Protein backbone atom coordinates (compact mmCIF):
# COMPACT_ATOMS: atom_id res chain seq x y z
CA MET A 1 106.60 128.66 105.69
CA SER A 2 110.00 127.74 106.78
CA ALA A 3 109.53 123.91 106.56
CA LEU A 4 110.78 122.53 103.63
CA SER A 5 109.48 124.95 101.48
CA ASP A 6 112.38 126.55 100.29
CA ARG A 7 111.68 128.28 96.83
CA ARG A 8 114.32 128.44 94.53
CA ARG A 9 114.77 128.70 91.23
CA PRO A 10 118.05 127.18 89.98
CA SER A 11 120.37 125.91 87.22
CA ARG A 12 120.89 123.73 89.77
CA THR A 13 119.74 125.41 92.47
CA GLY A 14 118.22 123.59 94.77
CA ALA A 15 116.07 125.19 97.65
CA ALA A 16 113.64 123.78 99.13
CA LEU A 17 110.56 125.55 97.85
CA LEU A 18 111.73 126.21 94.27
CA ALA A 19 109.52 129.13 94.41
CA GLY A 20 109.64 129.93 90.59
CA ALA A 21 109.77 127.59 88.05
CA LEU A 22 107.55 124.23 87.76
CA ALA A 23 105.62 124.31 91.06
CA LEU A 24 108.86 122.32 91.74
CA SER A 25 109.37 125.08 93.66
CA LEU A 26 109.18 122.01 95.57
CA ALA A 27 111.16 124.02 97.42
CA LEU A 28 111.05 122.58 100.81
CA SER A 29 108.62 124.70 101.21
CA ALA A 30 108.15 123.16 104.46
CA CYS A 31 111.10 124.14 106.12
CA SER A 32 112.43 127.48 106.64
CA SER A 33 111.49 130.82 104.95
CA SER A 34 114.19 131.95 102.90
CA SER A 35 115.99 130.82 99.63
CA SER A 36 118.91 130.04 97.83
CA ALA A 37 119.71 126.64 96.43
CA SER A 38 121.73 125.12 94.07
CA GLY A 39 121.45 122.02 92.28
CA PRO A 40 124.13 119.51 92.02
CA SER A 41 123.99 115.83 90.66
CA ASP A 42 122.73 112.97 92.81
CA ASP A 43 125.44 110.43 93.17
CA GLN A 44 123.74 106.83 93.37
CA SER A 45 124.55 104.07 95.38
CA THR A 46 125.71 101.04 93.40
CA THR A 47 125.25 98.65 95.83
CA THR A 48 124.50 95.11 94.90
CA THR A 49 121.83 92.75 96.53
CA VAL A 50 122.71 92.09 100.21
CA ALA A 51 121.17 89.60 102.23
CA SER A 52 120.47 91.83 105.10
CA PRO A 53 117.79 92.53 107.86
CA TYR A 54 118.40 95.95 107.23
CA ALA A 55 119.00 96.52 103.57
CA THR A 56 116.00 98.41 101.18
CA THR A 57 115.96 98.30 98.10
CA ILE A 58 116.17 101.16 95.89
CA ALA A 59 114.73 101.81 91.66
CA THR A 60 116.26 103.88 89.77
CA VAL A 61 114.21 105.70 86.80
CA LYS A 62 115.98 104.48 83.79
CA GLY A 63 114.21 106.48 81.05
CA ARG A 64 113.24 110.57 80.65
CA SER A 65 110.01 109.54 82.16
CA ILE A 66 107.89 106.82 84.23
CA THR A 67 104.12 105.86 84.30
CA VAL A 68 103.18 104.25 88.01
CA LEU A 69 100.07 102.72 88.35
CA GLU A 70 97.57 103.38 91.44
CA ASN A 71 96.10 100.05 91.58
CA ASP A 72 97.77 96.67 91.55
CA PRO A 73 98.38 95.63 87.77
CA THR A 74 99.16 92.08 88.92
CA GLY A 75 95.55 90.80 90.21
CA ALA A 76 97.33 89.11 93.01
CA GLY A 77 96.52 91.57 95.78
CA SER A 78 98.87 93.70 97.48
CA THR A 79 101.13 91.69 100.28
CA THR A 80 101.95 92.86 103.90
CA SER A 81 103.66 96.75 103.88
CA SER A 82 105.01 98.64 106.48
CA VAL A 83 103.91 101.81 104.65
CA ALA A 84 100.90 103.33 106.54
CA PRO A 85 98.58 105.54 105.39
CA SER A 86 98.65 109.19 105.62
CA SER A 87 95.71 111.01 107.53
CA SER A 88 96.18 114.77 106.10
CA THR A 89 93.24 116.40 104.55
CA LEU A 90 94.82 118.79 102.34
CA PRO A 91 94.17 118.78 98.44
CA PRO A 92 96.34 115.65 96.73
CA ILE A 93 99.70 116.63 94.88
CA PRO A 94 100.13 116.66 91.84
CA ARG A 95 96.79 118.21 90.68
CA SER A 96 95.62 119.72 87.48
CA SER A 97 95.49 123.10 89.46
CA LEU A 98 99.08 122.81 90.71
CA ASN A 99 102.32 122.85 89.03
CA SER A 100 104.35 120.22 90.54
CA ALA A 101 107.45 119.85 88.94
CA GLY A 102 107.72 117.23 86.73
CA VAL A 103 104.84 115.19 88.24
CA LYS A 104 101.40 115.09 86.88
CA LYS A 105 98.14 113.11 87.56
CA THR A 106 97.20 110.58 84.87
CA ASP A 107 93.98 108.73 84.57
CA ASP A 108 95.34 105.25 86.20
CA GLY A 109 98.41 106.78 88.15
CA PHE A 110 100.59 109.16 87.59
CA GLU A 111 103.89 110.61 85.40
CA PHE A 112 107.03 111.18 86.43
CA SER A 113 109.72 113.10 84.14
CA ASN A 114 113.44 112.07 85.07
CA PRO A 115 115.69 113.08 85.83
CA THR A 116 114.19 115.88 88.73
CA TYR A 117 113.67 119.16 88.65
CA PHE A 118 117.24 119.52 90.61
CA ARG A 119 118.61 117.45 87.60
CA ASN A 120 119.20 114.15 90.06
CA PRO A 121 118.21 110.86 89.37
CA LEU A 122 114.55 109.90 89.85
CA VAL A 123 114.40 107.33 92.88
CA PHE A 124 111.54 105.38 94.55
CA ASP A 125 111.98 102.87 97.91
CA VAL A 126 110.89 99.72 96.66
CA VAL A 127 107.88 98.06 99.33
CA GLU A 128 107.70 94.59 97.46
CA GLN A 129 108.09 93.01 93.97
CA GLN A 130 105.73 90.34 92.12
CA GLY A 131 106.79 89.36 88.75
CA ASP A 132 107.38 91.99 86.05
CA TRP A 133 105.93 94.47 88.55
CA ILE A 134 107.21 96.25 91.73
CA LYS A 135 105.29 97.78 94.26
CA VAL A 136 107.30 101.40 95.25
CA LEU A 137 106.69 104.50 97.65
CA ILE A 138 106.50 107.83 95.72
CA PRO A 139 106.86 111.30 96.16
CA VAL A 140 103.20 112.51 96.52
CA ARG A 141 100.43 113.74 98.44
CA PRO A 142 98.43 112.19 100.19
CA ASN A 143 102.16 110.87 102.14
CA HIS A 144 103.21 107.09 101.75
CA THR A 145 101.34 106.89 98.73
CA VAL A 146 102.21 103.92 97.02
CA GLY A 147 102.23 102.69 93.09
CA TRP A 148 103.13 99.87 90.79
CA VAL A 149 106.06 100.64 87.82
CA ARG A 150 107.45 97.90 85.75
CA ALA A 151 110.83 96.03 86.64
CA SER A 152 111.95 96.62 83.21
CA GLU A 153 111.98 100.39 83.57
CA VAL A 154 113.78 100.25 87.03
CA ALA A 155 117.53 99.64 88.15
CA LEU A 156 117.75 97.89 91.87
CA THR A 157 120.14 98.27 94.29
CA THR A 158 120.70 98.54 97.86
CA THR A 159 121.17 100.37 100.85
CA ASP A 160 121.57 99.37 104.70
CA PHE A 161 121.78 103.08 105.66
CA ARG A 162 118.50 104.13 107.58
CA PHE A 163 117.36 107.23 109.59
CA GLU A 164 115.42 107.57 112.59
CA LEU A 165 113.67 110.73 114.00
CA ASP A 166 112.55 111.02 117.38
CA LEU A 167 110.61 114.02 117.38
CA SER A 168 110.07 113.91 121.26
CA ARG A 169 113.71 113.81 121.68
CA PHE A 170 114.21 116.12 118.62
CA HIS A 171 116.83 113.70 117.87
CA LEU A 172 117.84 112.27 114.43
CA THR A 173 119.99 108.84 114.74
CA VAL A 174 121.58 107.10 111.13
CA PHE A 175 122.15 103.68 110.95
CA LYS A 176 124.63 101.86 108.41
CA GLY A 177 123.61 97.96 109.18
CA ALA A 178 123.48 97.58 112.80
CA GLU A 179 125.28 100.57 114.17
CA VAL A 180 125.21 103.56 114.59
CA PHE A 181 126.58 105.95 111.78
CA LEU A 182 126.17 109.20 113.44
CA GLU A 183 123.35 110.97 115.73
CA THR A 184 122.28 114.35 115.92
CA ASP A 185 120.06 116.57 117.73
CA VAL A 186 118.14 118.65 115.65
CA VAL A 187 115.39 121.09 114.85
CA ILE A 188 111.65 120.13 114.05
CA GLY A 189 108.28 121.69 113.06
CA ARG A 190 106.49 124.04 115.23
CA ASP A 191 103.41 122.86 116.59
CA ASN A 192 101.03 124.11 113.76
CA THR A 193 103.39 123.13 110.97
CA PRO A 194 104.66 119.91 112.52
CA THR A 195 107.14 117.79 110.64
CA PRO A 196 104.81 114.64 109.46
CA THR A 197 105.26 110.67 111.00
CA GLY A 198 105.77 107.57 108.99
CA ARG A 199 107.48 106.31 106.46
CA PHE A 200 109.67 108.30 104.12
CA TYR A 201 113.08 108.45 102.38
CA MET A 202 115.73 110.50 100.87
CA LEU A 203 114.41 111.65 97.34
CA GLU A 204 117.82 113.65 96.52
CA LYS A 205 120.54 115.69 97.26
CA ILE A 206 120.77 119.41 96.42
CA LYS A 207 124.04 121.10 97.28
CA GLN A 208 123.73 125.14 98.59
CA ASN A 209 125.79 127.74 96.50
CA ASP A 210 125.76 129.91 100.09
CA PRO A 211 126.81 127.64 102.90
CA ASN A 212 125.43 130.31 105.42
CA GLY A 213 122.34 130.41 103.81
CA VAL A 214 119.42 129.42 105.79
CA TYR A 215 119.69 126.39 104.33
CA GLY A 216 122.89 125.36 105.34
CA THR A 217 125.61 123.80 102.96
CA TRP A 218 123.12 120.82 101.63
CA ILE A 219 119.33 119.97 101.31
CA LEU A 220 118.27 116.16 101.94
CA ALA A 221 114.80 116.87 100.41
CA THR A 222 112.35 113.78 101.01
CA ASN A 223 109.39 112.58 99.27
CA GLY A 224 107.19 113.66 102.25
CA TYR A 225 105.17 117.19 101.79
CA SER A 226 103.46 118.88 104.76
CA GLU A 227 100.46 118.09 106.34
CA THR A 228 99.07 121.56 107.16
CA LEU A 229 100.48 123.66 104.65
CA ASP A 230 99.05 123.17 100.63
CA THR A 231 101.51 125.40 99.32
CA PHE A 232 104.81 127.63 100.30
CA ASN A 233 106.14 130.29 99.11
CA GLY A 234 104.29 129.69 95.98
CA GLY A 235 105.79 126.48 95.28
CA LEU A 236 105.37 122.79 96.98
CA PRO A 237 105.60 122.14 100.44
CA VAL A 238 108.31 119.41 100.65
CA ILE A 239 109.68 117.62 103.56
CA ALA A 240 113.24 117.96 104.05
CA PHE A 241 116.22 117.24 106.20
CA HIS A 242 119.07 120.33 105.93
CA GLY A 243 121.52 122.05 106.97
CA THR A 244 121.14 125.49 108.95
CA ASN A 245 122.37 129.33 109.78
CA GLN A 246 120.73 129.21 113.49
CA PRO A 247 122.19 126.29 114.94
CA GLN A 248 121.04 127.96 118.63
CA LEU A 249 118.26 126.59 117.49
CA ILE A 250 118.58 122.92 117.36
CA GLY A 251 116.81 121.26 120.21
CA THR A 252 113.37 123.38 119.56
CA LYS A 253 110.19 123.22 117.43
CA ALA A 254 111.08 126.51 114.95
CA SER A 255 110.69 125.22 111.17
CA ASN A 256 107.51 125.10 109.54
CA GLY A 257 107.80 121.09 108.52
CA CYS A 258 111.55 120.93 107.74
CA VAL A 259 114.41 119.10 110.13
CA ARG A 260 117.67 121.34 110.31
CA MET A 261 120.66 120.04 111.42
CA PRO A 262 124.32 121.14 111.91
CA ASN A 263 126.00 121.80 108.34
CA ASP A 264 128.75 119.38 109.34
CA VAL A 265 126.27 116.67 109.83
CA ALA A 266 124.50 117.24 106.43
CA ASP A 267 128.11 117.75 104.62
CA ARG A 268 128.65 113.71 106.25
CA LEU A 269 125.26 112.48 105.30
CA ALA A 270 125.06 114.00 101.86
CA GLU A 271 128.71 112.32 101.15
CA ALA A 272 127.64 109.23 102.26
CA VAL A 273 124.35 108.88 102.24
CA PRO A 274 122.85 107.70 98.78
CA ALA A 275 119.51 108.59 97.45
CA GLY A 276 117.08 106.18 98.54
CA THR A 277 117.54 105.88 101.97
CA PRO A 278 114.54 105.31 104.48
CA ILE A 279 113.70 107.59 106.65
CA ASP A 280 111.23 106.85 110.14
CA ILE A 281 109.87 109.65 111.97
CA VAL A 282 108.31 108.74 115.16
CA ALA A 283 106.62 110.77 117.80
CA GLN A 284 108.63 108.73 120.18
CA ALA A 285 110.57 105.94 119.46
CA PRO A 286 110.81 102.72 121.34
CA ALA A 287 113.31 101.97 123.96
CA ALA A 288 115.67 100.12 121.60
CA SER A 289 115.54 99.86 117.71
CA ALA A 290 114.58 96.68 116.29
CA ALA A 291 115.78 95.66 112.29
CA PRO A 292 113.46 97.84 110.33
CA SER A 293 111.16 95.77 107.86
CA ASN A 294 112.39 96.22 104.26
CA LEU A 295 110.53 98.80 101.94
């Protein structure tokens, strides 16, 4: 598919679809159609709590696995959240009939392996905390699904980076606090394999062995999946931001859902921005961006 589905088989090989091994073939299946990746270790932000309207809290899993509950275990009911439900009618991910690379459905929620298939620390974005429980945005489909984890099983950090992608302008702006860190035009999904909208986050960073390959120098995989493709090249249709070997297509709809950018931009983001950074993808951005609500 060309979206994020880059299937790859690594030893740390990262490609968006990972067609190969565990269906993590995550392969970034929604992005582009070729593959070749190499999985690097993801360096985590060591940011401490910052009183900022732009700060997003990131939960990094401590153990070798973690259970995420679907229903609120606090009995208090969920409070406000900026996470909108997905309208996708495709089958859920994970499910018993599909190998989902380190993620499986359980009777009361999900179980995730840590580190990820690409050997990066597993992170979630925090929506809210109630006592010993934390509500988090998780990498499953339907997109924007949330669940609950025990506070004792994660380490909390914050970031004031955030992405804002305006599909109508093919334009990505990355903020650090109130300031623009960088901006660039990008490739987005075709009309029949569109880039999904809503709040997502950067799940992990995957360095590519071949900088001249279809994914460029880096894949910045998200927690989101294609909402038109169920699988891609035998792997999961993960949506990712990544470099490209076809910069002439920037400013067009040419992918299977992934977002392609110049390699030098991908390099800069991979170096500066931590996993867990929130990503807002909108059909059309408002005239002026306001401070985001904390996820």
